[in-house]
Amino acid sequence: MASIHNLRRAQIKALTRASLINRQPDALPQHFTQRQQQARNYQLIKRGLDIGGSLLGLTLLLLLLPFIAIFIVWEDRGPIFYQQERIGRHGRPFQAYKLRSMVANADTYLAQHPELQQAWRHSGKLQNDPRITRTGRFLRRSSLDELPQFINILLGDMSLVGPRAIQAAEIAAFGELGELRQTVKPGLTGLWQISGRSHTTYEQRLLLDCTYVLECSIEIDMHILIRTLPAVVHGEGAY
């Protein structure tokens, strides 16, 4: 498995170098204008889907929020929403919104426990995370905690489909592939979401993210969106 990952990583690096070379004016192929138009059309269609999808998602959030808010506040009297800085397209930071699924001082708790912080840095996730509340476990398993991210999609910080929205502390793990990854907006769902989510390793998530960036299209986006619903319903890799 490791050799397969190394091969795929090498392929991605080679494609990345080729992509960067093709951006130089003297190296542009004759059919570049056509490809540029196709990319522009893709972005227009993708943005239209983002706006339509985010309006539907926010409608669902408004319908469910009164009930969810009662359970969140009842459990520990903490805030309903949680926001955290994430890295967007071209490295631009933005505030990502979620329904709070952890204790109110979750970031401080992590900083005070080096063993948990080390585990988080290794995988970007904590299985059996002690910071997650009882209500939060349900929200995470059902992915309802991510509904406020439709605000980020409507604002243009995120897209329905794309790589994971990562924190600044995770950038170093991507190495030279980080520049490639940041050429698109992070997504609410993506290849990692339909490939096991938290059951995937950090290396696998890296490869899935970069693979999407290199191969993204409306057809792939629709395929991911269609497969996301069963993954959410079954709670695959959600914790």
Protein backbone atom coordinates (compact mmCIF):
# COMPACT_ATOMS: atom_id res chain seq x y z
CA MET A 1 0.00 0.00 0.00
CA ALA A 2 2.81 2.40 0.85
CA SER A 3 4.42 1.85 -2.57
CA ILE A 4 1.10 2.63 -4.28
CA HIS A 5 0.81 5.85 -2.29
CA ASN A 6 4.39 6.81 -3.19
CA LEU A 7 3.71 6.14 -6.87
CA ARG A 8 0.54 8.20 -6.84
CA ARG A 9 2.31 11.00 -4.99
CA ALA A 10 5.08 10.99 -7.61
CA GLN A 11 2.47 11.13 -10.38
CA ILE A 12 0.78 14.10 -8.73
CA LYS A 13 4.10 15.92 -8.34
CA ALA A 14 4.87 15.37 -12.03
CA LEU A 15 1.45 16.63 -13.08
CA THR A 16 1.84 19.63 -10.78
CA ARG A 17 5.17 20.57 -12.38
CA ALA A 18 3.61 20.24 -15.83
CA SER A 19 0.67 22.39 -14.77
CA LEU A 20 2.96 25.12 -13.46
CA ILE A 21 5.04 25.04 -16.65
CA ASN A 22 1.92 25.40 -18.78
CA ARG A 23 1.06 28.58 -16.94
CA GLN A 24 4.15 30.29 -18.35
CA PRO A 25 3.32 32.43 -21.43
CA ASP A 26 6.04 30.90 -23.64
CA ALA A 27 4.90 27.37 -22.84
CA LEU A 28 1.18 27.75 -23.54
CA PRO A 29 -0.15 25.21 -26.08
CA GLN A 30 -2.18 26.45 -29.06
CA HIS A 31 -5.38 24.97 -27.66
CA PHE A 32 -4.90 26.84 -24.38
CA THR A 33 -7.65 29.37 -25.22
CA GLN A 34 -10.18 26.56 -25.63
CA ARG A 35 -9.14 24.95 -22.38
CA GLN A 36 -9.29 28.33 -20.66
CA GLN A 37 -12.88 28.80 -21.89
CA GLN A 38 -13.82 25.33 -20.66
CA ALA A 39 -12.33 26.13 -17.26
CA ARG A 40 -14.27 29.41 -17.16
CA ASN A 41 -17.53 27.62 -18.01
CA TYR A 42 -16.82 25.03 -15.32
CA GLN A 43 -16.32 27.75 -12.72
CA LEU A 44 -19.56 29.49 -13.71
CA ILE A 45 -21.59 26.28 -13.52
CA LYS A 46 -19.88 25.30 -10.28
CA ARG A 47 -20.66 28.67 -8.70
CA GLY A 48 -24.30 28.36 -9.78
CA LEU A 49 -24.50 24.95 -8.11
CA ASP A 50 -22.85 26.39 -5.00
CA ILE A 51 -25.37 29.21 -4.70
CA GLY A 52 -28.37 26.93 -5.29
CA GLY A 53 -27.06 24.24 -2.95
CA SER A 54 -26.18 26.71 -0.20
CA LEU A 55 -29.67 28.26 -0.28
CA LEU A 56 -31.22 24.81 0.12
CA GLY A 57 -28.79 23.94 2.89
CA LEU A 58 -29.44 27.17 4.78
CA THR A 59 -33.20 26.57 4.52
CA LEU A 60 -32.67 23.18 6.16
CA LEU A 61 -30.49 24.81 8.84
CA LEU A 62 -33.19 27.37 9.67
CA LEU A 63 -35.77 24.59 10.03
CA LEU A 64 -33.60 22.43 12.31
CA LEU A 65 -31.71 25.10 14.26
CA PRO A 66 -34.34 25.76 16.98
CA PHE A 67 -34.38 22.08 17.95
CA ILE A 68 -30.61 21.55 17.71
CA ALA A 69 -29.92 24.76 19.64
CA ILE A 70 -32.02 23.55 22.58
CA PHE A 71 -29.91 20.40 22.99
CA ILE A 72 -26.58 22.23 22.55
CA VAL A 73 -27.41 24.90 25.14
CA TRP A 74 -29.12 22.45 27.51
CA GLU A 75 -26.04 20.23 27.70
CA ASP A 76 -23.44 22.78 28.83
CA ARG A 77 -24.91 26.29 28.40
CA GLY A 78 -22.22 27.06 25.81
CA PRO A 79 -22.52 28.85 22.44
CA ILE A 80 -24.50 27.27 19.62
CA PHE A 81 -22.02 28.04 16.85
CA TYR A 82 -18.29 27.46 16.55
CA GLN A 83 -15.96 29.23 14.18
CA GLN A 84 -12.35 28.55 13.36
CA GLU A 85 -9.87 29.97 10.88
CA ARG A 86 -9.31 27.77 7.85
CA ILE A 87 -7.19 28.21 4.74
CA GLY A 88 -9.02 28.93 1.50
CA ARG A 89 -8.11 29.36 -2.15
CA HIS A 90 -4.66 30.87 -2.79
CA GLY A 91 -3.90 30.57 0.92
CA ARG A 92 -6.48 33.18 1.96
CA PRO A 93 -7.71 32.55 5.53
CA PHE A 94 -11.41 32.66 6.35
CA GLN A 95 -13.67 31.86 9.30
CA ALA A 96 -15.42 28.50 8.86
CA TYR A 97 -18.71 28.06 10.71
CA LYS A 98 -20.10 24.95 12.36
CA LEU A 99 -22.63 23.95 14.96
CA ARG A 100 -20.63 23.41 18.14
CA SER A 101 -20.04 19.71 18.75
CA MET A 102 -17.29 20.04 21.38
CA VAL A 103 -16.96 21.54 24.82
CA ALA A 104 -16.76 25.34 24.79
CA ASN A 105 -13.01 25.40 25.58
CA ALA A 106 -12.06 22.69 23.06
CA ASP A 107 -9.02 24.49 21.62
CA THR A 108 -7.65 25.30 25.08
CA TYR A 109 -8.23 21.71 26.19
CA LEU A 110 -6.20 20.42 23.24
CA ALA A 111 -3.36 22.82 23.96
CA GLN A 112 -3.26 21.62 27.58
CA HIS A 113 -2.93 17.95 26.61
CA PRO A 114 0.28 17.37 24.58
CA GLU A 115 -0.52 13.70 23.90
CA LEU A 116 -3.82 14.64 22.24
CA GLN A 117 -2.16 17.48 20.34
CA GLN A 118 0.48 15.11 18.99
CA ALA A 119 -2.19 12.63 17.86
CA TRP A 120 -4.12 15.43 16.17
CA ARG A 121 -1.01 16.63 14.32
CA HIS A 122 -0.38 13.08 13.12
CA SER A 123 -3.83 12.46 11.62
CA GLY A 124 -5.79 15.71 11.77
CA LYS A 125 -8.50 13.84 13.69
CA LEU A 126 -8.93 12.32 17.14
CA GLN A 127 -10.80 9.07 17.45
CA ASN A 128 -12.73 8.97 20.73
CA ASP A 129 -12.09 12.69 21.14
CA PRO A 130 -12.87 13.52 24.82
CA ARG A 131 -13.86 17.07 23.84
CA ILE A 132 -16.96 15.98 21.90
CA THR A 133 -20.27 16.36 23.74
CA ARG A 134 -23.14 13.86 23.64
CA THR A 135 -25.13 16.14 21.36
CA GLY A 136 -21.98 16.71 19.34
CA ARG A 137 -21.57 12.99 18.64
CA PHE A 138 -25.01 12.90 17.06
CA LEU A 139 -24.34 16.08 15.09
CA ARG A 140 -21.06 14.72 13.76
CA ARG A 141 -22.40 11.28 12.89
CA SER A 142 -25.26 12.88 10.96
CA SER A 143 -23.01 15.68 9.59
CA LEU A 144 -25.57 18.23 10.82
CA ASP A 145 -22.73 20.15 12.49
CA GLU A 146 -21.54 21.19 9.04
CA LEU A 147 -24.79 22.87 7.95
CA PRO A 148 -23.53 26.40 8.85
CA GLN A 149 -20.75 25.95 6.28
CA PHE A 150 -23.40 26.67 3.65
CA ILE A 151 -22.86 30.28 4.81
CA ASN A 152 -19.21 29.96 3.75
CA ILE A 153 -20.30 28.51 0.41
CA LEU A 154 -22.76 31.34 -0.22
CA LEU A 155 -20.06 33.88 0.67
CA GLY A 156 -17.67 32.22 -1.79
CA ASP A 157 -15.12 31.03 0.77
CA MET A 158 -15.94 27.38 0.07
CA SER A 159 -17.59 25.23 -2.57
CA LEU A 160 -19.99 22.29 -2.36
CA VAL A 161 -17.19 20.03 -3.64
CA GLY A 162 -13.46 20.44 -3.09
CA PRO A 163 -10.53 19.48 -0.87
CA ARG A 164 -10.92 19.53 2.90
CA ALA A 165 -10.87 22.93 4.58
CA ILE A 166 -7.67 22.69 6.62
CA GLN A 167 -6.11 24.77 9.38
CA ALA A 168 -2.87 26.70 8.95
CA ALA A 169 -1.09 24.18 11.20
CA GLU A 170 -1.76 21.44 8.61
CA ILE A 171 -0.18 23.20 5.62
CA ALA A 172 3.33 21.90 6.33
CA ALA A 173 2.11 18.30 5.97
CA PHE A 174 1.36 18.91 2.27
CA GLY A 175 4.89 20.01 1.42
CA GLU A 176 5.39 20.98 -2.21
CA LEU A 177 1.84 19.85 -3.04
CA GLY A 178 0.40 22.61 -0.88
CA GLU A 179 0.48 25.14 -3.73
CA LEU A 180 -1.49 22.81 -5.98
CA ARG A 181 -4.08 22.14 -3.30
CA GLN A 182 -4.73 25.83 -2.78
CA THR A 183 -5.60 26.54 -6.41
CA VAL A 184 -9.24 25.62 -5.71
CA LYS A 185 -11.72 26.41 -2.95
CA PRO A 186 -12.08 23.93 -0.10
CA GLY A 187 -15.31 21.94 -0.18
CA LEU A 188 -18.11 20.82 2.10
CA THR A 189 -17.66 17.37 0.60
CA GLY A 190 -15.06 15.75 -1.64
CA LEU A 191 -13.29 12.54 -2.57
CA TRP A 192 -12.20 12.04 1.05
CA GLN A 193 -15.83 12.29 2.22
CA ILE A 194 -16.95 9.42 0.00
CA SER A 195 -13.79 7.36 0.59
CA GLY A 196 -14.10 6.66 4.30
CA ARG A 197 -13.65 10.16 5.77
CA SER A 198 -11.85 9.79 9.11
CA HIS A 199 -11.09 6.13 8.36
CA THR A 200 -8.58 7.32 5.78
CA THR A 201 -5.00 8.10 6.73
CA TYR A 202 -3.52 11.59 6.47
CA GLU A 203 -1.50 10.46 3.45
CA GLN A 204 -4.61 9.13 1.74
CA ARG A 205 -6.48 12.38 2.35
CA LEU A 206 -3.58 14.31 0.85
CA LEU A 207 -3.62 12.17 -2.29
CA LEU A 208 -7.42 12.35 -2.60
CA ASP A 209 -7.37 16.14 -2.27
CA CYS A 210 -4.64 16.58 -4.89
CA THR A 211 -6.25 14.05 -7.23
CA TYR A 212 -9.47 16.07 -7.14
CA VAL A 213 -7.64 19.32 -7.94
CA LEU A 214 -6.02 17.75 -11.02
CA GLU A 215 -9.14 15.99 -12.30
CA CYS A 216 -12.06 18.18 -11.18
CA SER A 217 -14.98 18.63 -13.56
CA ILE A 218 -18.75 19.01 -13.37
CA GLU A 219 -19.12 15.27 -13.97
CA ILE A 220 -16.82 14.45 -11.05
CA ASP A 221 -18.51 17.05 -8.82
CA MET A 222 -21.94 15.55 -9.51
CA HIS A 223 -20.61 12.04 -8.90
CA ILE A 224 -19.22 13.13 -5.52
CA LEU A 225 -22.44 14.93 -4.56
CA ILE A 226 -24.56 11.88 -5.42
CA ARG A 227 -22.30 9.57 -3.41
CA THR A 228 -22.13 11.94 -0.45
CA LEU A 229 -25.74 11.37 0.63
CA PRO A 230 -25.33 7.59 1.25
CA ALA A 231 -22.02 8.26 3.04
CA VAL A 232 -23.74 10.77 5.34
CA VAL A 233 -26.75 8.53 5.98
CA HIS A 234 -24.53 5.61 6.96
CA GLY A 235 -22.18 7.83 8.97
CA GLU A 236 -19.11 6.28 7.35
CA GLY A 237 -15.95 7.44 9.11
CA ALA A 238 -17.78 10.22 10.95
CA TYR A 239 -16.36 10.99 14.41
